[in-house]
Amino acid sequence: MSRYDLIVFDYDGVVADSELLNNRIMAEVLTGAGLPTSLDDALSIYMGKRWLDCVPLIEERLGGPCPAHIDSEWTRRCHERAATELQPVPGFVDFLAGRHERRCIASSSPVSWIEMGLERFGVAQTFDGPIFSAAVHVTRGKPHPDLFLHAAATMGVDPARALVIEDTPTGVRAGVAAGMTVIGLCAGGHIRAGHADRLRDAGAHHVVDDYAGIEAVLTA
């Protein structure tokens, strides 16, 4: 019997190998709007956060209002590129097929973005859990615990019996604050030197390099 009644997947960087794509486009759009931004800037400042929480960070750097078109332009470009380029994080599809715990996704991204990826990966039917989005389901996004607590409450699961898989310090902090066990996953294309240490510093209970590492944690 599993120690966990629920596995909570973040989406970008855990299910979809999309962090580089998302943040490269974020850097392009912001630079085009007059705020020079590198890929590393985008990864360090915006990764793991919902758009609503990115806006004040953009405005602080701009020293003025965030241009109204940035959100729609970023979303449009991400969907265009994802339609031909997006891939699952290595190991996710096989891991999903081999586990029988209840599951859900709890992400800062919009539901439409997540559903598009699940369809592209061919797992929209086999991923039989709900999708929870900080863009619509809660007032406060990650690193606050609200989204994870909402997911657990909706599914009738004690947070202490839930396992979170996250790839960002922001998400790790949210899972820890929710009272869940958190695995920090360093399997996406966006992972850089020192990322594992940042996940540990954020409070991750386990940090692994791939889905085989998650299997090892679950079977230990």
N, C-alpha and C. Protein backbone atom coordinates (compact mmCIF):
# COMPACT_ATOMS: atom_id res chain seq x y z
N MET A 1 0.84 -1.20 0.00
CA MET A 1 0.00 0.00 0.00
C MET A 1 0.88 1.25 0.00
N SER A 2 0.52 2.23 -0.80
CA SER A 2 1.29 3.46 -0.89
C SER A 2 1.18 4.27 0.39
N ARG A 3 2.26 4.98 0.70
CA ARG A 3 2.23 5.90 1.85
C ARG A 3 1.42 7.14 1.54
N TYR A 4 1.05 7.33 0.30
CA TYR A 4 0.38 8.56 -0.12
C TYR A 4 -0.97 8.26 -0.75
N ASP A 5 -1.94 9.08 -0.42
CA ASP A 5 -3.27 8.94 -0.99
C ASP A 5 -3.44 9.79 -2.25
N LEU A 6 -2.49 10.67 -2.49
CA LEU A 6 -2.61 11.59 -3.62
C LEU A 6 -1.23 12.03 -4.08
N ILE A 7 -1.00 12.00 -5.38
CA ILE A 7 0.21 12.59 -5.96
C ILE A 7 -0.21 13.86 -6.69
N VAL A 8 0.39 14.97 -6.30
CA VAL A 8 0.08 16.28 -6.88
C VAL A 8 1.24 16.68 -7.79
N PHE A 9 0.98 16.77 -9.07
CA PHE A 9 1.99 17.17 -10.04
C PHE A 9 1.88 18.67 -10.32
N ASP A 10 3.00 19.37 -10.21
CA ASP A 10 3.08 20.65 -10.89
C ASP A 10 3.05 20.34 -12.39
N TYR A 11 2.90 21.34 -13.22
CA TYR A 11 2.83 21.05 -14.67
C TYR A 11 4.11 21.42 -15.40
N ASP A 12 4.40 22.72 -15.53
CA ASP A 12 5.58 23.15 -16.27
C ASP A 12 6.85 22.72 -15.55
N GLY A 13 7.68 21.92 -16.23
CA GLY A 13 8.91 21.45 -15.64
C GLY A 13 8.78 20.14 -14.89
N VAL A 14 7.55 19.64 -14.75
CA VAL A 14 7.30 18.36 -14.07
C VAL A 14 6.57 17.40 -15.01
N VAL A 15 5.52 17.86 -15.63
CA VAL A 15 4.80 17.09 -16.64
C VAL A 15 5.30 17.48 -18.04
N ALA A 16 5.28 18.77 -18.31
CA ALA A 16 5.74 19.29 -19.61
C ALA A 16 7.13 19.91 -19.47
N ASP A 17 8.00 19.61 -20.41
CA ASP A 17 9.34 20.20 -20.39
C ASP A 17 9.25 21.57 -21.07
N SER A 18 8.55 22.48 -20.39
CA SER A 18 8.14 23.74 -21.00
C SER A 18 8.77 24.98 -20.40
N GLU A 19 9.56 24.82 -19.34
CA GLU A 19 10.08 26.01 -18.67
C GLU A 19 11.00 26.83 -19.58
N LEU A 20 11.84 26.16 -20.36
CA LEU A 20 12.72 26.91 -21.27
C LEU A 20 11.91 27.63 -22.33
N LEU A 21 10.94 26.94 -22.90
CA LEU A 21 10.10 27.55 -23.93
C LEU A 21 9.37 28.77 -23.37
N ASN A 22 8.69 28.58 -22.24
CA ASN A 22 7.91 29.67 -21.64
C ASN A 22 8.78 30.88 -21.32
N ASN A 23 9.92 30.61 -20.71
CA ASN A 23 10.74 31.72 -20.22
C ASN A 23 11.58 32.35 -21.31
N ARG A 24 11.93 31.59 -22.33
CA ARG A 24 12.60 32.20 -23.49
C ARG A 24 11.65 33.18 -24.18
N ILE A 25 10.40 32.79 -24.32
CA ILE A 25 9.41 33.69 -24.94
C ILE A 25 9.12 34.87 -24.02
N MET A 26 9.07 34.64 -22.72
CA MET A 26 8.89 35.76 -21.79
C MET A 26 10.01 36.78 -21.96
N ALA A 27 11.25 36.30 -22.08
CA ALA A 27 12.38 37.21 -22.26
C ALA A 27 12.25 37.98 -23.58
N GLU A 28 11.83 37.30 -24.64
CA GLU A 28 11.68 37.96 -25.95
C GLU A 28 10.59 39.04 -25.89
N VAL A 29 9.46 38.71 -25.28
CA VAL A 29 8.33 39.65 -25.24
C VAL A 29 8.67 40.86 -24.38
N LEU A 30 9.28 40.63 -23.22
CA LEU A 30 9.63 41.74 -22.35
C LEU A 30 10.69 42.63 -22.99
N THR A 31 11.67 42.01 -23.63
CA THR A 31 12.70 42.80 -24.30
C THR A 31 12.09 43.65 -25.41
N GLY A 32 11.16 43.06 -26.16
CA GLY A 32 10.49 43.80 -27.21
C GLY A 32 9.63 44.94 -26.70
N ALA A 33 9.20 44.83 -25.43
CA ALA A 33 8.37 45.88 -24.82
C ALA A 33 9.21 46.94 -24.12
N GLY A 34 10.54 46.84 -24.24
CA GLY A 34 11.40 47.86 -23.66
C GLY A 34 12.01 47.51 -22.33
N LEU A 35 11.89 46.23 -21.92
CA LEU A 35 12.50 45.79 -20.67
C LEU A 35 13.50 44.68 -21.00
N PRO A 36 14.78 45.02 -21.26
CA PRO A 36 15.76 44.00 -21.62
C PRO A 36 15.79 42.87 -20.60
N THR A 37 15.55 41.65 -21.07
CA THR A 37 15.43 40.49 -20.19
C THR A 37 16.09 39.31 -20.86
N SER A 38 17.02 38.67 -20.17
CA SER A 38 17.66 37.47 -20.68
C SER A 38 16.87 36.24 -20.26
N LEU A 39 17.19 35.10 -20.86
CA LEU A 39 16.57 33.85 -20.44
C LEU A 39 16.83 33.59 -18.97
N ASP A 40 18.06 33.79 -18.53
CA ASP A 40 18.38 33.56 -17.12
C ASP A 40 17.60 34.50 -16.22
N ASP A 41 17.40 35.75 -16.66
CA ASP A 41 16.57 36.68 -15.89
C ASP A 41 15.16 36.11 -15.73
N ALA A 42 14.58 35.67 -16.83
CA ALA A 42 13.21 35.16 -16.79
C ALA A 42 13.11 33.94 -15.89
N LEU A 43 14.08 33.04 -16.00
CA LEU A 43 14.05 31.83 -15.17
C LEU A 43 14.15 32.17 -13.69
N SER A 44 14.99 33.13 -13.35
CA SER A 44 15.21 33.44 -11.93
C SER A 44 14.11 34.30 -11.34
N ILE A 45 13.46 35.13 -12.16
CA ILE A 45 12.48 36.09 -11.63
C ILE A 45 11.05 35.57 -11.73
N TYR A 46 10.69 34.94 -12.86
CA TYR A 46 9.29 34.65 -13.13
C TYR A 46 8.91 33.17 -13.07
N MET A 47 9.88 32.28 -13.17
CA MET A 47 9.56 30.85 -13.26
C MET A 47 8.78 30.37 -12.04
N GLY A 48 7.72 29.63 -12.30
CA GLY A 48 6.92 29.04 -11.24
C GLY A 48 5.80 29.92 -10.73
N LYS A 49 5.74 31.14 -11.22
CA LYS A 49 4.72 32.09 -10.75
C LYS A 49 3.61 32.25 -11.80
N ARG A 50 2.40 32.52 -11.34
CA ARG A 50 1.31 32.80 -12.26
C ARG A 50 1.48 34.22 -12.81
N TRP A 51 0.81 34.49 -13.94
CA TRP A 51 0.97 35.78 -14.58
C TRP A 51 0.61 36.92 -13.64
N LEU A 52 -0.47 36.77 -12.87
CA LEU A 52 -0.92 37.82 -11.96
C LEU A 52 0.18 38.25 -11.00
N ASP A 53 1.02 37.29 -10.60
CA ASP A 53 2.10 37.60 -9.67
C ASP A 53 3.36 38.07 -10.38
N CYS A 54 3.44 37.84 -11.69
CA CYS A 54 4.57 38.36 -12.47
C CYS A 54 4.41 39.85 -12.74
N VAL A 55 3.16 40.31 -12.87
CA VAL A 55 2.92 41.70 -13.27
C VAL A 55 3.60 42.71 -12.35
N PRO A 56 3.45 42.62 -11.01
CA PRO A 56 4.13 43.62 -10.18
C PRO A 56 5.65 43.54 -10.27
N LEU A 57 6.19 42.36 -10.54
CA LEU A 57 7.64 42.23 -10.70
C LEU A 57 8.09 42.92 -11.98
N ILE A 58 7.29 42.77 -13.04
CA ILE A 58 7.59 43.46 -14.30
C ILE A 58 7.50 44.97 -14.10
N GLU A 59 6.45 45.42 -13.42
CA GLU A 59 6.26 46.86 -13.23
C GLU A 59 7.35 47.47 -12.36
N GLU A 60 7.84 46.70 -11.40
CA GLU A 60 8.94 47.20 -10.57
C GLU A 60 10.19 47.40 -11.42
N ARG A 61 10.46 46.46 -12.32
CA ARG A 61 11.63 46.57 -13.18
C ARG A 61 11.45 47.65 -14.24
N LEU A 62 10.23 47.80 -14.73
CA LEU A 62 9.96 48.82 -15.75
C LEU A 62 9.91 50.22 -15.17
N GLY A 63 9.51 50.30 -13.91
CA GLY A 63 9.29 51.61 -13.30
C GLY A 63 8.00 52.26 -13.78
N GLY A 64 7.05 51.42 -14.20
CA GLY A 64 5.77 51.92 -14.68
C GLY A 64 4.83 50.77 -14.96
N PRO A 65 3.64 51.05 -15.51
CA PRO A 65 2.64 50.02 -15.76
C PRO A 65 3.12 48.96 -16.75
N CYS A 66 2.71 47.74 -16.53
CA CYS A 66 3.00 46.65 -17.46
C CYS A 66 2.15 46.84 -18.72
N PRO A 67 2.74 46.90 -19.90
CA PRO A 67 1.95 47.06 -21.13
C PRO A 67 0.87 45.99 -21.24
N ALA A 68 -0.32 46.40 -21.62
CA ALA A 68 -1.48 45.51 -21.59
C ALA A 68 -1.35 44.32 -22.54
N HIS A 69 -0.56 44.47 -23.61
CA HIS A 69 -0.50 43.42 -24.62
C HIS A 69 0.43 42.28 -24.26
N ILE A 70 1.25 42.44 -23.22
CA ILE A 70 2.31 41.46 -22.96
C ILE A 70 1.73 40.09 -22.65
N ASP A 71 0.71 40.02 -21.81
CA ASP A 71 0.12 38.73 -21.43
C ASP A 71 -0.39 37.98 -22.65
N SER A 72 -1.19 38.64 -23.48
CA SER A 72 -1.77 37.96 -24.64
C SER A 72 -0.70 37.59 -25.67
N GLU A 73 0.30 38.44 -25.82
CA GLU A 73 1.38 38.15 -26.77
C GLU A 73 2.21 36.96 -26.30
N TRP A 74 2.52 36.93 -25.02
CA TRP A 74 3.28 35.81 -24.45
C TRP A 74 2.48 34.51 -24.60
N THR A 75 1.21 34.55 -24.25
CA THR A 75 0.36 33.36 -24.34
C THR A 75 0.26 32.86 -25.78
N ARG A 76 0.06 33.77 -26.72
CA ARG A 76 -0.07 33.39 -28.13
C ARG A 76 1.19 32.71 -28.63
N ARG A 77 2.34 33.31 -28.33
CA ARG A 77 3.61 32.73 -28.81
C ARG A 77 3.88 31.38 -28.16
N CYS A 78 3.58 31.25 -26.87
CA CYS A 78 3.80 29.97 -26.19
C CYS A 78 2.96 28.87 -26.82
N HIS A 79 1.69 29.14 -27.09
CA HIS A 79 0.82 28.13 -27.69
C HIS A 79 1.27 27.79 -29.11
N GLU A 80 1.70 28.78 -29.87
CA GLU A 80 2.17 28.51 -31.23
C GLU A 80 3.39 27.59 -31.22
N ARG A 81 4.35 27.90 -30.36
CA ARG A 81 5.58 27.09 -30.31
C ARG A 81 5.30 25.71 -29.72
N ALA A 82 4.45 25.67 -28.69
CA ALA A 82 4.17 24.40 -28.03
C ALA A 82 3.49 23.41 -28.97
N ALA A 83 2.71 23.91 -29.90
CA ALA A 83 1.97 23.04 -30.81
C ALA A 83 2.89 22.13 -31.61
N THR A 84 4.14 22.54 -31.82
CA THR A 84 5.08 21.72 -32.59
C THR A 84 6.32 21.30 -31.80
N GLU A 85 6.60 21.98 -30.69
CA GLU A 85 7.86 21.75 -29.99
C GLU A 85 7.72 21.09 -28.62
N LEU A 86 6.57 21.23 -27.98
CA LEU A 86 6.46 20.82 -26.58
C LEU A 86 6.58 19.31 -26.42
N GLN A 87 7.38 18.88 -25.44
CA GLN A 87 7.57 17.47 -25.11
C GLN A 87 7.34 17.26 -23.62
N PRO A 88 6.98 16.04 -23.23
CA PRO A 88 6.87 15.76 -21.80
C PRO A 88 8.24 15.71 -21.15
N VAL A 89 8.28 15.95 -19.87
CA VAL A 89 9.52 15.74 -19.12
C VAL A 89 9.88 14.25 -19.25
N PRO A 90 11.14 13.93 -19.56
CA PRO A 90 11.52 12.53 -19.72
C PRO A 90 11.10 11.68 -18.52
N GLY A 91 10.46 10.56 -18.80
CA GLY A 91 10.06 9.63 -17.76
C GLY A 91 8.65 9.82 -17.25
N PHE A 92 8.03 10.97 -17.54
CA PHE A 92 6.70 11.23 -16.97
C PHE A 92 5.66 10.23 -17.46
N VAL A 93 5.61 9.99 -18.76
CA VAL A 93 4.55 9.14 -19.32
C VAL A 93 4.63 7.74 -18.74
N ASP A 94 5.83 7.17 -18.66
CA ASP A 94 5.98 5.82 -18.10
C ASP A 94 5.66 5.81 -16.61
N PHE A 95 6.08 6.84 -15.90
CA PHE A 95 5.77 6.93 -14.47
C PHE A 95 4.26 6.96 -14.27
N LEU A 96 3.57 7.75 -15.05
CA LEU A 96 2.12 7.86 -14.93
C LEU A 96 1.46 6.50 -15.15
N ALA A 97 1.94 5.77 -16.15
CA ALA A 97 1.34 4.47 -16.47
C ALA A 97 1.56 3.45 -15.36
N GLY A 98 2.64 3.61 -14.60
CA GLY A 98 2.99 2.61 -13.60
C GLY A 98 2.49 2.88 -12.20
N ARG A 99 1.87 4.03 -11.97
CA ARG A 99 1.40 4.39 -10.62
C ARG A 99 -0.12 4.34 -10.57
N HIS A 100 -0.63 4.01 -9.38
CA HIS A 100 -2.08 3.83 -9.23
C HIS A 100 -2.67 4.72 -8.15
N GLU A 101 -1.85 5.58 -7.57
CA GLU A 101 -2.41 6.53 -6.61
C GLU A 101 -3.33 7.52 -7.33
N ARG A 102 -4.24 8.10 -6.59
CA ARG A 102 -5.01 9.21 -7.15
C ARG A 102 -4.03 10.32 -7.50
N ARG A 103 -4.37 11.10 -8.52
CA ARG A 103 -3.45 12.13 -8.94
C ARG A 103 -4.22 13.37 -9.37
N CYS A 104 -3.51 14.49 -9.36
CA CYS A 104 -4.06 15.74 -9.88
C CYS A 104 -2.90 16.61 -10.32
N ILE A 105 -3.21 17.67 -11.03
CA ILE A 105 -2.24 18.70 -11.37
C ILE A 105 -2.62 19.96 -10.62
N ALA A 106 -1.63 20.62 -10.03
CA ALA A 106 -1.84 21.90 -9.34
C ALA A 106 -0.76 22.84 -9.83
N SER A 107 -1.13 23.78 -10.68
CA SER A 107 -0.16 24.57 -11.43
C SER A 107 -0.51 26.05 -11.42
N SER A 108 0.50 26.87 -11.64
CA SER A 108 0.27 28.30 -11.81
C SER A 108 -0.28 28.63 -13.20
N SER A 109 -0.22 27.68 -14.11
CA SER A 109 -0.61 27.92 -15.50
C SER A 109 -2.12 27.78 -15.71
N PRO A 110 -2.64 28.39 -16.77
CA PRO A 110 -4.07 28.24 -17.09
C PRO A 110 -4.42 26.80 -17.46
N VAL A 111 -5.67 26.43 -17.22
CA VAL A 111 -6.13 25.08 -17.50
C VAL A 111 -5.99 24.76 -18.99
N SER A 112 -6.27 25.71 -19.87
CA SER A 112 -6.19 25.45 -21.31
C SER A 112 -4.78 25.07 -21.75
N TRP A 113 -3.77 25.68 -21.15
CA TRP A 113 -2.37 25.37 -21.46
C TRP A 113 -2.05 23.94 -21.03
N ILE A 114 -2.53 23.55 -19.87
CA ILE A 114 -2.27 22.20 -19.35
C ILE A 114 -2.98 21.15 -20.20
N GLU A 115 -4.24 21.40 -20.51
CA GLU A 115 -5.01 20.44 -21.31
C GLU A 115 -4.38 20.25 -22.69
N MET A 116 -3.88 21.32 -23.29
CA MET A 116 -3.24 21.22 -24.59
C MET A 116 -2.03 20.28 -24.51
N GLY A 117 -1.22 20.42 -23.47
CA GLY A 117 -0.05 19.56 -23.33
C GLY A 117 -0.41 18.11 -23.11
N LEU A 118 -1.39 17.84 -22.25
CA LEU A 118 -1.79 16.46 -22.00
C LEU A 118 -2.29 15.80 -23.28
N GLU A 119 -3.03 16.55 -24.10
CA GLU A 119 -3.47 16.02 -25.39
C GLU A 119 -2.28 15.73 -26.29
N ARG A 120 -1.34 16.65 -26.34
CA ARG A 120 -0.17 16.48 -27.21
C ARG A 120 0.66 15.27 -26.79
N PHE A 121 0.72 15.00 -25.49
CA PHE A 121 1.53 13.87 -24.99
C PHE A 121 0.77 12.55 -25.06
N GLY A 122 -0.51 12.59 -25.44
CA GLY A 122 -1.30 11.36 -25.54
C GLY A 122 -1.75 10.79 -24.22
N VAL A 123 -1.82 11.62 -23.18
CA VAL A 123 -2.19 11.12 -21.85
C VAL A 123 -3.44 11.81 -21.30
N ALA A 124 -4.16 12.53 -22.14
CA ALA A 124 -5.33 13.26 -21.66
C ALA A 124 -6.37 12.33 -21.06
N GLN A 125 -6.47 11.11 -21.57
CA GLN A 125 -7.45 10.15 -21.06
C GLN A 125 -6.90 9.37 -19.87
N THR A 126 -5.62 9.06 -19.88
CA THR A 126 -5.06 8.26 -18.78
C THR A 126 -4.76 9.10 -17.55
N PHE A 127 -4.54 10.42 -17.74
CA PHE A 127 -4.40 11.28 -16.56
C PHE A 127 -5.82 11.62 -16.10
N ASP A 128 -6.34 10.79 -15.19
CA ASP A 128 -7.75 10.84 -14.83
C ASP A 128 -8.03 11.70 -13.60
N GLY A 129 -7.07 12.54 -13.22
CA GLY A 129 -7.28 13.42 -12.08
C GLY A 129 -7.64 14.83 -12.52
N PRO A 130 -8.15 15.64 -11.61
CA PRO A 130 -8.53 17.01 -11.94
C PRO A 130 -7.32 17.92 -12.12
N ILE A 131 -7.56 19.05 -12.75
CA ILE A 131 -6.56 20.09 -12.93
C ILE A 131 -6.95 21.29 -12.09
N PHE A 132 -6.04 21.71 -11.23
CA PHE A 132 -6.26 22.89 -10.40
C PHE A 132 -5.27 23.97 -10.85
N SER A 133 -5.79 25.17 -11.09
CA SER A 133 -4.96 26.27 -11.60
C SER A 133 -5.04 27.46 -10.66
N ALA A 134 -3.86 27.98 -10.30
CA ALA A 134 -3.83 29.18 -9.47
C ALA A 134 -4.37 30.39 -10.21
N ALA A 135 -4.51 30.27 -11.53
CA ALA A 135 -5.07 31.37 -12.31
C ALA A 135 -6.57 31.53 -12.10
N VAL A 136 -7.23 30.45 -11.61
CA VAL A 136 -8.69 30.52 -11.47
C VAL A 136 -9.22 30.00 -10.13
N HIS A 137 -8.50 29.12 -9.46
CA HIS A 137 -9.08 28.43 -8.31
C HIS A 137 -8.77 29.06 -6.96
N VAL A 138 -7.77 29.91 -6.88
CA VAL A 138 -7.39 30.52 -5.59
C VAL A 138 -7.04 31.98 -5.79
N THR A 139 -7.08 32.72 -4.69
CA THR A 139 -6.73 34.14 -4.73
C THR A 139 -5.22 34.33 -4.70
N ARG A 140 -4.55 33.53 -3.88
CA ARG A 140 -3.09 33.65 -3.74
C ARG A 140 -2.41 32.49 -4.44
N GLY A 141 -1.43 32.81 -5.28
CA GLY A 141 -0.68 31.77 -5.97
C GLY A 141 0.51 31.29 -5.15
N LYS A 142 1.27 30.35 -5.73
CA LYS A 142 2.50 29.88 -5.11
C LYS A 142 3.44 31.07 -4.96
N PRO A 143 4.20 31.17 -3.87
CA PRO A 143 4.56 30.17 -2.87
C PRO A 143 3.58 29.99 -1.72
N HIS A 144 2.43 30.65 -1.76
CA HIS A 144 1.41 30.40 -0.74
C HIS A 144 0.87 28.98 -0.93
N PRO A 145 0.41 28.35 0.14
CA PRO A 145 -0.04 26.95 0.05
C PRO A 145 -1.45 26.77 -0.48
N ASP A 146 -2.14 27.87 -0.80
CA ASP A 146 -3.58 27.82 -1.06
C ASP A 146 -3.98 26.82 -2.15
N LEU A 147 -3.23 26.78 -3.25
CA LEU A 147 -3.61 25.91 -4.36
C LEU A 147 -3.52 24.44 -3.95
N PHE A 148 -2.45 24.07 -3.26
CA PHE A 148 -2.29 22.69 -2.82
C PHE A 148 -3.35 22.32 -1.78
N LEU A 149 -3.64 23.23 -0.88
CA LEU A 149 -4.68 22.96 0.13
C LEU A 149 -6.05 22.85 -0.53
N HIS A 150 -6.30 23.67 -1.53
CA HIS A 150 -7.56 23.58 -2.27
C HIS A 150 -7.68 22.23 -2.97
N ALA A 151 -6.59 21.77 -3.57
CA ALA A 151 -6.60 20.48 -4.25
C ALA A 151 -6.89 19.35 -3.26
N ALA A 152 -6.20 19.37 -2.12
CA ALA A 152 -6.41 18.31 -1.13
C ALA A 152 -7.84 18.33 -0.59
N ALA A 153 -8.34 19.52 -0.29
CA ALA A 153 -9.70 19.63 0.25
C ALA A 153 -10.73 19.16 -0.77
N THR A 154 -10.56 19.55 -2.01
CA THR A 154 -11.50 19.17 -3.06
C THR A 154 -11.52 17.66 -3.25
N MET A 155 -10.36 17.02 -3.09
CA MET A 155 -10.26 15.59 -3.30
C MET A 155 -10.44 14.79 -2.02
N GLY A 156 -10.65 15.50 -0.90
CA GLY A 156 -10.91 14.83 0.37
C GLY A 156 -9.72 14.09 0.93
N VAL A 157 -8.54 14.66 0.76
CA VAL A 157 -7.29 14.02 1.19
C VAL A 157 -6.62 14.86 2.26
N ASP A 158 -6.13 14.21 3.30
CA ASP A 158 -5.34 14.88 4.33
C ASP A 158 -4.03 15.35 3.68
N PRO A 159 -3.69 16.64 3.79
CA PRO A 159 -2.43 17.11 3.18
C PRO A 159 -1.21 16.29 3.60
N ALA A 160 -1.22 15.77 4.81
CA ALA A 160 -0.08 14.97 5.28
C ALA A 160 0.06 13.67 4.50
N ARG A 161 -0.99 13.27 3.78
CA ARG A 161 -0.96 12.04 2.99
C ARG A 161 -0.81 12.34 1.49
N ALA A 162 -0.40 13.57 1.18
CA ALA A 162 -0.23 13.96 -0.22
C ALA A 162 1.25 14.16 -0.54
N LEU A 163 1.64 13.77 -1.73
CA LEU A 163 3.00 13.95 -2.24
C LEU A 163 2.97 14.96 -3.38
N VAL A 164 3.79 15.98 -3.28
CA VAL A 164 3.90 17.01 -4.31
C VAL A 164 5.19 16.80 -5.10
N ILE A 165 5.10 16.91 -6.42
CA ILE A 165 6.29 16.89 -7.28
C ILE A 165 6.42 18.27 -7.90
N GLU A 166 7.51 18.95 -7.59
CA GLU A 166 7.73 20.34 -8.00
C GLU A 166 9.13 20.50 -8.59
N ASP A 167 9.29 21.52 -9.42
CA ASP A 167 10.60 21.78 -10.02
C ASP A 167 11.15 23.15 -9.69
N THR A 168 10.39 24.00 -8.99
CA THR A 168 10.86 25.35 -8.68
C THR A 168 10.86 25.60 -7.18
N PRO A 169 11.74 26.46 -6.70
CA PRO A 169 11.70 26.83 -5.28
C PRO A 169 10.36 27.41 -4.88
N THR A 170 9.73 28.18 -5.76
CA THR A 170 8.42 28.75 -5.46
C THR A 170 7.40 27.66 -5.18
N GLY A 171 7.37 26.65 -6.03
CA GLY A 171 6.43 25.55 -5.84
C GLY A 171 6.76 24.70 -4.64
N VAL A 172 8.05 24.46 -4.41
CA VAL A 172 8.46 23.69 -3.24
C VAL A 172 7.99 24.37 -1.96
N ARG A 173 8.18 25.66 -1.87
CA ARG A 173 7.74 26.39 -0.67
C ARG A 173 6.24 26.25 -0.46
N ALA A 174 5.49 26.29 -1.54
CA ALA A 174 4.04 26.15 -1.43
C ALA A 174 3.66 24.77 -0.90
N GLY A 175 4.29 23.73 -1.42
CA GLY A 175 3.99 22.39 -0.96
C GLY A 175 4.35 22.16 0.49
N VAL A 176 5.51 22.66 0.89
CA VAL A 176 5.94 22.53 2.28
C VAL A 176 4.98 23.28 3.19
N ALA A 177 4.60 24.49 2.80
CA ALA A 177 3.67 25.28 3.61
C ALA A 177 2.31 24.61 3.73
N ALA A 178 1.95 23.78 2.75
CA ALA A 178 0.68 23.06 2.80
C ALA A 178 0.75 21.82 3.69
N GLY A 179 1.93 21.49 4.18
CA GLY A 179 2.08 20.33 5.04
C GLY A 179 2.19 19.02 4.28
N MET A 180 2.58 19.10 3.02
CA MET A 180 2.73 17.92 2.18
C MET A 180 4.19 17.51 2.07
N THR A 181 4.43 16.26 1.70
CA THR A 181 5.78 15.82 1.37
C THR A 181 6.10 16.31 -0.03
N VAL A 182 7.28 16.90 -0.19
CA VAL A 182 7.62 17.52 -1.48
C VAL A 182 8.89 16.89 -2.05
N ILE A 183 8.79 16.45 -3.29
CA ILE A 183 9.96 16.01 -4.05
C ILE A 183 10.32 17.11 -5.04
N GLY A 184 11.56 17.54 -5.01
CA GLY A 184 12.08 18.48 -5.99
C GLY A 184 12.65 17.71 -7.16
N LEU A 185 12.13 17.95 -8.36
CA LEU A 185 12.52 17.21 -9.55
C LEU A 185 13.40 18.07 -10.45
N CYS A 186 14.58 17.55 -10.77
CA CYS A 186 15.54 18.27 -11.62
C CYS A 186 15.71 17.53 -12.95
N ALA A 187 14.62 17.38 -13.68
CA ALA A 187 14.65 16.58 -14.91
C ALA A 187 14.40 17.39 -16.17
N GLY A 188 13.98 18.63 -16.05
CA GLY A 188 13.64 19.43 -17.22
C GLY A 188 14.83 20.10 -17.86
N GLY A 189 14.63 20.59 -19.07
CA GLY A 189 15.71 21.23 -19.81
C GLY A 189 16.18 22.54 -19.22
N HIS A 190 15.42 23.09 -18.28
CA HIS A 190 15.77 24.38 -17.68
C HIS A 190 16.72 24.26 -16.50
N ILE A 191 17.01 23.05 -16.07
CA ILE A 191 17.81 22.86 -14.86
C ILE A 191 19.24 23.34 -15.11
N ARG A 192 19.74 24.15 -14.18
CA ARG A 192 21.09 24.69 -14.24
C ARG A 192 21.86 24.27 -12.98
N ALA A 193 23.16 24.48 -13.00
CA ALA A 193 24.00 24.17 -11.83
C ALA A 193 23.45 24.89 -10.61
N GLY A 194 23.38 24.17 -9.51
CA GLY A 194 22.91 24.76 -8.26
C GLY A 194 21.41 24.67 -8.05
N HIS A 195 20.67 24.19 -9.06
CA HIS A 195 19.21 24.16 -8.92
C HIS A 195 18.77 23.21 -7.81
N ALA A 196 19.42 22.06 -7.73
CA ALA A 196 19.06 21.11 -6.67
C ALA A 196 19.25 21.72 -5.29
N ASP A 197 20.32 22.47 -5.12
CA ASP A 197 20.56 23.13 -3.83
C ASP A 197 19.46 24.15 -3.53
N ARG A 198 19.00 24.85 -4.56
CA ARG A 198 17.92 25.82 -4.34
C ARG A 198 16.62 25.14 -3.93
N LEU A 199 16.36 23.97 -4.48
CA LEU A 199 15.17 23.22 -4.08
C LEU A 199 15.30 22.73 -2.64
N ARG A 200 16.49 22.27 -2.27
CA ARG A 200 16.71 21.86 -0.88
C ARG A 200 16.55 23.04 0.06
N ASP A 201 17.12 24.17 -0.31
CA ASP A 201 17.02 25.36 0.53
C ASP A 201 15.57 25.81 0.70
N ALA A 202 14.74 25.53 -0.31
CA ALA A 202 13.32 25.89 -0.23
C ALA A 202 12.53 24.93 0.65
N GLY A 203 13.17 23.80 1.03
CA GLY A 203 12.53 22.88 1.96
C GLY A 203 12.13 21.54 1.40
N ALA A 204 12.53 21.22 0.16
CA ALA A 204 12.15 19.94 -0.43
C ALA A 204 12.63 18.79 0.46
N HIS A 205 11.76 17.82 0.68
CA HIS A 205 12.12 16.66 1.51
C HIS A 205 13.04 15.70 0.76
N HIS A 206 12.89 15.64 -0.54
CA HIS A 206 13.74 14.82 -1.40
C HIS A 206 14.02 15.64 -2.66
N VAL A 207 15.21 15.49 -3.22
CA VAL A 207 15.55 16.10 -4.50
C VAL A 207 16.12 15.00 -5.39
N VAL A 208 15.55 14.85 -6.57
CA VAL A 208 15.94 13.77 -7.47
C VAL A 208 16.22 14.32 -8.87
N ASP A 209 16.96 13.54 -9.65
CA ASP A 209 17.34 13.96 -11.00
C ASP A 209 16.35 13.54 -12.07
N ASP A 210 15.50 12.55 -11.77
CA ASP A 210 14.62 12.02 -12.80
C ASP A 210 13.46 11.27 -12.15
N TYR A 211 12.58 10.75 -12.99
CA TYR A 211 11.42 10.03 -12.46
C TYR A 211 11.81 8.70 -11.83
N ALA A 212 12.93 8.12 -12.24
CA ALA A 212 13.42 6.92 -11.56
C ALA A 212 13.72 7.24 -10.10
N GLY A 213 14.22 8.44 -9.85
CA GLY A 213 14.47 8.87 -8.48
C GLY A 213 13.19 8.99 -7.68
N ILE A 214 12.11 9.43 -8.31
CA ILE A 214 10.82 9.49 -7.62
C ILE A 214 10.34 8.09 -7.29
N GLU A 215 10.48 7.16 -8.24
CA GLU A 215 10.11 5.77 -7.97
C GLU A 215 10.89 5.23 -6.77
N ALA A 216 12.17 5.57 -6.70
CA ALA A 216 12.99 5.09 -5.59
C ALA A 216 12.49 5.63 -4.26
N VAL A 217 12.08 6.89 -4.23
CA VAL A 217 11.53 7.47 -3.01
C VAL A 217 10.25 6.75 -2.61
N LEU A 218 9.39 6.47 -3.58
CA LEU A 218 8.10 5.85 -3.30
C LEU A 218 8.22 4.41 -2.85
N THR A 219 9.28 3.74 -3.27
CA THR A 219 9.43 2.32 -2.92
C THR A 219 10.40 2.09 -1.77
N ALA A 220 11.01 3.16 -1.26
CA ALA A 220 11.99 3.00 -0.17
C ALA A 220 11.32 2.52 1.11
